């Protein structure tokens, strides 16, 4: 269709900016809510590269077509929501850059228009200083009023465009923040995921190396007999246990610390500015709190099980790598399991610098 031909011609010059502009125009044309999801849907379509989405959306965007909120949500869930978090973040950054590009073009266009207004004033000022006749004076006055009104209109339009663009950028910013948070979060427990834990631990090692007077401790915790709990009571019950432990760890850690789901039924805590004593005390408190919990069946009130957890604690040693401190904490955890479970084992005090 004609609109598509023009779009393709423009895309060959600057695909990103044209995609952003087309997306905003389509939102207004079809009366869709300017939400991050709807913008993302249309931006992805106009950017190309998503054939399944193009096949579904093209008939709606053809002349005479319609696109409802319900359809937009269906297309988004089917063709976009399943993509990887990393890809979504990269796409969001691209969208933000596209909006910035469109905004820059608008400001540049307005600057050119204001420069033209200045040239017009200079021209008529020159005419007025040459002893104009009454008719020439009236002509100059009318022209200057006209130029001034045009400049005022352009300024109002730019203000509206800037306001709209600011709103678009703010929405994309919120979307990127949420996407980044999701990328670092374990969906089941709400704790940091393994990737976020690895990065936080590396940063903690780097900070501690840079400050000889600082330290931290690492706690590795593992739910006892978790497989038996799953086999006996089902995976939904197992998920309930994992969420319970996640809430408990979140309650017991401060802003400078990090609680993470390390993998499966295993958890980790990086305890900032804490020695082995503080690490052991926190691990023992967590073990005691969990031991005191009684999980019951909803409705009947029957006690299902008592859940316990074992923990190993290691304090960072100067010169260690992240892998080194993990291995020592893991050996301490293994010792807690070997000696009866539902207990805390620190690395030997003699081994701590």
Protein backbone atom coordinates (compact mmCIF):
# COMPACT_ATOMS: atom_id res chain seq x y z
CA UNK A 1 0.00 0.00 0.00
CA UNK A 2 1.20 3.62 -0.49
CA UNK A 3 2.03 4.16 3.17
CA UNK A 4 4.19 1.05 3.19
CA UNK A 5 6.05 2.15 0.06
CA UNK A 6 6.89 5.48 1.67
CA UNK A 7 7.88 3.73 4.89
CA UNK A 8 10.26 1.40 3.07
CA UNK A 9 11.87 4.33 1.27
CA UNK A 10 12.40 6.17 4.57
CA UNK A 11 13.69 3.08 6.36
CA UNK A 12 16.52 2.77 3.87
CA UNK A 13 17.79 6.11 5.20
CA UNK A 14 17.28 5.67 8.95
CA UNK A 15 15.31 2.58 9.98
CA UNK A 16 15.28 3.16 13.72
CA UNK A 17 13.86 6.67 13.73
CA UNK A 18 11.25 5.87 11.12
CA UNK A 19 10.16 2.80 13.10
CA UNK A 20 9.73 4.92 16.22
CA UNK A 21 7.76 7.59 14.38
CA UNK A 22 5.54 5.03 12.63
CA UNK A 23 4.85 3.33 15.95
CA UNK A 24 3.68 6.54 17.62
CA UNK A 25 1.53 7.49 14.64
CA UNK A 26 -0.09 4.03 14.58
CA UNK A 27 -0.90 4.27 18.30
CA UNK A 28 -2.80 7.48 17.66
CA UNK A 29 -4.40 6.26 14.41
CA UNK A 30 -5.93 3.15 15.97
CA UNK A 31 -6.72 4.75 19.33
CA UNK A 32 -4.49 2.38 21.28
CA UNK A 33 -3.26 3.14 24.78
CA UNK A 34 0.33 4.44 24.50
CA UNK A 35 1.61 1.73 26.84
CA UNK A 36 5.11 0.21 26.63
CA UNK A 37 3.59 -3.07 25.38
CA UNK A 38 1.63 -1.43 22.56
CA UNK A 39 4.56 0.75 21.54
CA UNK A 40 6.86 -2.27 21.62
CA UNK A 41 4.44 -4.25 19.45
CA UNK A 42 4.23 -1.59 16.75
CA UNK A 43 7.90 -0.64 16.91
CA UNK A 44 8.87 -4.28 16.43
CA UNK A 45 6.50 -4.57 13.47
CA UNK A 46 7.80 -1.47 11.69
CA UNK A 47 11.40 -2.46 12.45
CA UNK A 48 10.95 -5.78 10.63
CA UNK A 49 12.74 -8.97 11.63
CA UNK A 50 9.72 -10.64 13.25
CA UNK A 51 7.92 -12.52 10.44
CA UNK A 52 5.26 -14.14 12.68
CA UNK A 53 4.27 -10.72 13.99
CA UNK A 54 4.28 -9.20 10.49
CA UNK A 55 1.98 -11.95 9.22
CA UNK A 56 -0.56 -11.36 11.98
CA UNK A 57 -0.40 -7.60 12.21
CA UNK A 58 -0.17 -6.57 8.54
CA UNK A 59 -3.91 -7.17 7.79
CA UNK A 60 -4.87 -5.02 10.77
CA UNK A 61 -2.66 -2.15 9.64
CA UNK A 62 -3.75 -2.34 5.97
CA UNK A 63 -6.17 0.33 4.65
CA UNK A 64 -9.58 -0.22 6.25
CA UNK A 65 -8.13 -2.51 8.92
CA UNK A 66 -8.62 -2.18 12.66
CA UNK A 67 -6.43 -2.94 15.63
CA UNK A 68 -8.02 -3.29 19.06
CA UNK A 69 -6.41 -3.46 22.50
CA UNK A 70 -7.41 -7.12 22.74
CA UNK A 71 -5.78 -7.94 19.41
CA UNK A 72 -2.65 -6.02 20.35
CA UNK A 73 -2.33 -7.97 23.62
CA UNK A 74 -2.85 -11.28 21.82
CA UNK A 75 -0.21 -10.48 19.18
CA UNK A 76 2.23 -9.26 21.82
CA UNK A 77 1.91 -12.39 23.95
CA UNK A 78 2.18 -14.69 20.93
CA UNK A 79 5.03 -13.01 19.05
CA UNK A 80 7.04 -10.90 21.48
CA UNK A 81 6.59 -11.84 25.15
CA UNK A 82 8.40 -15.15 24.73
CA UNK A 83 11.69 -13.63 23.62
CA UNK A 84 14.72 -13.74 25.93
CA UNK A 85 15.13 -11.08 28.61
CA UNK A 86 18.49 -10.02 27.19
CA UNK A 87 16.96 -9.49 23.76
CA UNK A 88 14.10 -7.48 25.30
CA UNK A 89 16.57 -5.22 27.07
CA UNK A 90 18.57 -4.63 23.89
CA UNK A 91 15.38 -3.89 22.00
CA UNK A 92 14.29 -1.44 24.70
CA UNK A 93 17.60 0.39 24.47
CA UNK A 94 17.14 0.58 20.70
CA UNK A 95 13.65 2.01 21.12
CA UNK A 96 14.94 4.63 23.53
CA UNK A 97 17.62 5.62 21.03
CA UNK A 98 15.00 5.86 18.28
CA UNK A 99 12.81 8.20 20.31
CA UNK A 100 15.87 10.32 21.14
CA UNK A 101 16.67 10.51 17.43
CA UNK A 102 13.17 11.68 16.53
CA UNK A 103 13.31 14.24 19.31
CA UNK A 104 16.68 15.53 18.10
CA UNK A 105 15.26 15.94 14.60
CA UNK A 106 12.32 17.95 15.93
CA UNK A 107 14.59 20.26 17.94
CA UNK A 108 16.91 20.70 14.97
CA UNK A 109 13.94 21.53 12.75
CA UNK A 110 12.70 24.09 15.21
CA UNK A 111 16.15 25.65 15.46
CA UNK A 112 16.21 26.10 11.68
CA UNK A 113 12.76 27.67 11.80
CA UNK A 114 13.82 30.08 14.56
CA UNK A 115 16.91 30.99 12.56
CA UNK A 116 14.60 31.79 9.61
CA UNK A 117 12.50 34.00 11.88
CA UNK A 118 15.62 35.90 12.89
CA UNK A 119 16.60 36.36 9.25
CA UNK A 120 13.11 37.71 8.47
CA UNK A 121 13.34 40.25 11.32
CA UNK A 122 16.76 41.35 10.11
CA UNK A 123 15.42 41.79 6.59
CA UNK A 124 12.49 43.97 7.64
CA UNK A 125 14.62 45.93 10.10
CA UNK A 126 16.88 46.84 7.19
CA UNK A 127 13.86 47.95 5.16
CA UNK A 128 12.57 50.10 8.01
CA UNK A 129 15.85 51.97 8.47
CA UNK A 130 15.71 53.17 4.85
CA UNK A 131 12.99 55.82 5.45
CA UNK A 132 10.04 53.70 4.24
CA UNK A 133 6.83 55.13 2.92
CA UNK A 134 3.59 54.62 4.81
CA UNK A 135 2.65 51.71 2.55
CA UNK A 136 6.09 50.12 3.00
CA UNK A 137 5.80 50.58 6.77
CA UNK A 138 2.41 48.86 6.81
CA UNK A 139 3.74 46.03 4.64
CA UNK A 140 6.71 45.53 6.97
CA UNK A 141 4.44 45.62 10.04
CA UNK A 142 2.06 43.01 8.62
CA UNK A 143 4.96 40.79 7.57
CA UNK A 144 6.63 40.98 11.00
CA UNK A 145 3.34 40.21 12.77
CA UNK A 146 2.85 37.23 10.47
CA UNK A 147 6.40 35.96 11.05
CA UNK A 148 6.02 36.39 14.81
CA UNK A 149 2.74 34.48 14.91
CA UNK A 150 4.28 31.70 12.84
CA UNK A 151 7.24 31.52 15.24
CA UNK A 152 4.88 31.38 18.21
CA UNK A 153 2.94 28.51 16.58
CA UNK A 154 6.14 26.61 15.90
CA UNK A 155 7.22 27.06 19.51
CA UNK A 156 3.88 25.78 20.80
CA UNK A 157 4.14 22.76 18.52
CA UNK A 158 7.68 22.06 19.69
CA UNK A 159 6.59 22.32 23.33
CA UNK A 160 3.85 19.78 22.68
CA UNK A 161 6.25 17.49 20.87
CA UNK A 162 8.83 17.77 23.65
CA UNK A 163 6.18 17.00 26.27
CA UNK A 164 4.96 13.97 24.32
CA UNK A 165 8.49 12.70 23.71
CA UNK A 166 9.36 13.15 27.39
CA UNK A 167 6.39 10.96 28.28
CA UNK A 168 7.45 8.33 25.77
CA UNK A 169 11.01 8.29 27.09
CA UNK A 170 9.79 8.03 30.69
CA UNK A 171 7.62 5.02 29.82
CA UNK A 172 10.47 3.30 28.03
CA UNK A 173 12.75 4.05 30.95
CA UNK A 174 10.34 2.39 33.36
CA UNK A 175 10.07 -0.59 31.04
CA UNK A 176 13.84 -0.96 30.86
CA UNK A 177 14.16 -0.75 34.64
CA UNK A 178 11.51 -3.44 35.06
CA UNK A 179 13.14 -5.63 32.42
CA UNK A 180 16.52 -5.27 34.07
CA UNK A 181 15.01 -6.16 37.44
CA UNK A 182 13.38 -9.25 35.94
CA UNK A 183 16.69 -10.26 34.37
CA UNK A 184 18.31 -10.33 37.83
CA UNK A 185 15.44 -11.96 39.75
CA UNK A 186 14.45 -15.56 40.37
CA UNK A 187 10.79 -15.70 39.35
CA UNK A 188 9.71 -18.23 41.98
CA UNK A 189 11.31 -16.82 45.14
CA UNK A 190 11.75 -13.16 44.25
CA UNK A 191 15.41 -13.33 45.30
CA UNK A 192 18.36 -12.50 43.09
CA UNK A 193 19.10 -15.21 40.53
CA UNK A 194 22.41 -16.99 39.97
CA UNK A 195 23.60 -14.51 37.36
CA UNK A 196 22.97 -11.56 39.68
CA UNK A 197 24.67 -13.42 42.54
CA UNK A 198 27.80 -14.10 40.48
CA UNK A 199 28.09 -10.42 39.55
CA UNK A 200 27.49 -9.21 43.10
CA UNK A 201 30.08 -11.62 44.51
CA UNK A 202 32.69 -10.53 41.95
CA UNK A 203 32.00 -6.89 42.85
CA UNK A 204 32.30 -7.70 46.56
CA UNK A 205 35.68 -9.34 45.99
CA UNK A 206 36.88 -6.32 43.98
CA UNK A 207 35.73 -3.85 46.65
CA UNK A 208 37.35 -5.86 49.42
CA UNK A 209 40.64 -6.07 47.54
CA UNK A 210 40.58 -2.32 47.06
CA UNK A 211 39.92 -1.70 50.77
CA UNK A 212 42.22 -3.79 52.95
CA UNK A 213 40.15 -3.04 56.04
CA UNK A 214 36.89 -4.46 54.70
CA UNK A 215 35.57 -8.01 54.47
CA UNK A 216 32.43 -10.02 53.83
CA UNK A 217 31.08 -13.49 54.49
CA UNK A 218 29.38 -15.96 52.19
CA UNK A 219 26.59 -18.27 53.36
CA UNK A 220 25.52 -21.27 51.30
CA UNK A 221 22.27 -22.88 52.47
CA UNK A 222 20.58 -26.06 51.26
CA UNK A 223 17.09 -27.33 52.16
CA UNK A 224 17.39 -30.76 53.79
CA UNK A 225 15.83 -33.76 52.01
CA UNK A 226 14.14 -31.50 49.47
CA UNK A 227 13.73 -34.28 46.92
CA UNK A 228 11.85 -36.35 49.48
CA UNK A 229 9.53 -33.39 50.15
CA UNK A 230 8.81 -33.09 46.44
CA UNK A 231 8.27 -36.83 46.01
CA UNK A 232 6.01 -37.12 49.02
CA UNK A 233 3.96 -33.93 48.76
CA UNK A 234 4.31 -32.84 45.13
CA UNK A 235 6.14 -30.09 43.31
CA UNK A 236 3.58 -27.44 44.23
CA UNK A 237 4.41 -28.06 47.86
CA UNK A 238 8.10 -27.90 46.97
CA UNK A 239 7.56 -24.51 45.35
CA UNK A 240 5.77 -23.38 48.51
CA UNK A 241 8.82 -24.34 50.56
CA UNK A 242 11.16 -22.49 48.20
CA UNK A 243 9.03 -19.35 48.42
CA UNK A 244 8.99 -19.61 52.21
CA UNK A 245 12.78 -19.78 52.36
CA UNK A 246 13.00 -16.89 49.90
CA UNK A 247 10.82 -14.68 52.11
CA UNK A 248 12.84 -15.59 55.19
CA UNK A 249 16.17 -14.77 53.56
CA UNK A 250 14.81 -11.50 52.21
CA UNK A 251 13.69 -10.50 55.71
CA UNK A 252 17.09 -11.26 57.19
CA UNK A 253 19.30 -9.37 54.76
CA UNK A 254 20.06 -5.66 54.63
CA UNK A 255 20.47 -3.37 51.64
CA UNK A 256 24.23 -3.90 51.50
CA UNK A 257 23.75 -7.70 51.42
CA UNK A 258 22.46 -10.00 48.70
CA UNK A 259 20.22 -13.04 49.10
CA UNK A 260 20.00 -15.27 46.03
CA UNK A 261 18.64 -18.56 44.81
CA UNK A 262 21.89 -20.29 43.99
CA UNK A 263 20.31 -23.24 42.20
CA UNK A 264 17.50 -25.72 42.82
CA UNK A 265 16.98 -25.91 46.58
CA UNK A 266 20.26 -24.13 47.35
CA UNK A 267 20.49 -20.49 48.42
CA UNK A 268 23.29 -18.01 49.04
CA UNK A 269 23.80 -14.85 51.04
CA UNK A 270 26.65 -12.38 50.56
CA UNK A 271 26.86 -10.63 53.92
CA UNK A 272 28.58 -7.29 53.50
CA UNK A 273 31.07 -6.01 56.08
CA UNK A 274 30.58 -9.12 58.23
CA UNK A 275 33.09 -11.58 59.65
CA UNK A 276 32.66 -15.28 60.27
CA UNK A 277 30.91 -14.72 63.61
CA UNK A 278 28.17 -12.56 62.11
CA UNK A 279 27.76 -14.99 59.23
CA UNK A 280 27.36 -17.98 61.55
CA UNK A 281 24.91 -16.10 63.77
CA UNK A 282 22.71 -15.18 60.81
CA UNK A 283 22.79 -18.72 59.44
CA UNK A 284 21.82 -20.14 62.83
CA UNK A 285 18.94 -17.67 63.11
CA UNK A 286 17.67 -18.71 59.68
CA UNK A 287 17.94 -22.40 60.59
CA UNK A 288 16.04 -21.79 63.81
CA UNK A 289 13.29 -19.77 62.15
CA UNK A 290 12.75 -22.39 59.47
CA UNK A 291 12.84 -25.24 61.98
CA UNK A 292 10.05 -23.55 63.93
CA UNK A 293 7.79 -23.36 60.87
CA UNK A 294 4.99 -25.90 60.52
CA UNK A 295 3.61 -26.22 57.01
CA UNK A 296 -0.02 -27.28 57.01
CA UNK A 297 -2.53 -28.31 54.38
CA UNK A 298 -5.05 -25.66 53.55
CA UNK A 299 -8.51 -26.61 54.64
CA UNK A 300 -7.68 -29.60 56.85
CA UNK A 301 -5.02 -27.89 58.94
CA UNK A 302 -2.98 -31.11 59.01
CA UNK A 303 0.73 -30.62 59.55
CA UNK A 304 2.49 -31.65 56.36
CA UNK A 305 6.13 -31.47 57.28
CA UNK A 306 8.86 -29.75 59.21
CA UNK A 307 11.44 -28.18 56.95
CA UNK A 308 15.07 -27.72 57.95
CA UNK A 309 18.08 -26.23 56.25
CA UNK A 310 21.83 -26.71 56.48
CA UNK A 311 24.40 -23.97 55.99
CA UNK A 312 28.09 -23.44 55.38
CA UNK A 313 29.78 -20.12 56.11
CA UNK A 314 33.09 -18.73 54.86
CA UNK A 315 34.70 -15.34 55.46
CA UNK A 316 36.60 -13.83 52.57
CA UNK A 317 40.38 -14.18 52.75
CA UNK A 318 42.65 -11.53 51.23
CA UNK A 319 43.79 -12.56 47.76
CA UNK A 320 40.95 -15.03 47.17
CA UNK A 321 38.88 -15.17 44.01
CA UNK A 322 35.11 -15.48 44.01
CA UNK A 323 35.49 -19.17 43.13
CA UNK A 324 37.81 -19.70 46.11
CA UNK A 325 35.36 -18.38 48.68
CA UNK A 326 32.48 -20.32 47.09
CA UNK A 327 34.47 -23.56 47.29
CA UNK A 328 35.25 -23.05 50.97
CA UNK A 329 31.63 -22.24 51.82
CA UNK A 330 30.53 -25.28 49.81
CA UNK A 331 32.88 -27.55 51.73
CA UNK A 332 31.48 -26.19 54.99
CA UNK A 333 27.94 -26.85 53.72
CA UNK A 334 28.91 -30.42 52.84
CA UNK A 335 30.22 -30.85 56.38
CA UNK A 336 26.91 -29.61 57.82
CA UNK A 337 25.08 -32.18 55.69
CA UNK A 338 27.49 -34.97 56.58
CA UNK A 339 27.26 -34.40 60.32
CA UNK A 340 23.50 -34.54 60.61
CA UNK A 341 21.90 -31.63 58.71
CA UNK A 342 19.82 -28.81 60.25
CA UNK A 343 23.00 -27.13 61.38
CA UNK A 344 25.60 -24.51 60.52
CA UNK A 345 29.25 -25.24 59.84
CA UNK A 346 31.79 -22.45 59.44
CA UNK A 347 35.12 -22.84 57.76
CA UNK A 348 37.77 -23.64 60.42
CA UNK A 349 38.63 -20.54 62.41
CA UNK A 350 42.34 -21.24 62.04
CA UNK A 351 41.95 -20.93 58.28
CA UNK A 352 40.46 -17.45 58.40
CA UNK A 353 42.95 -14.63 57.91
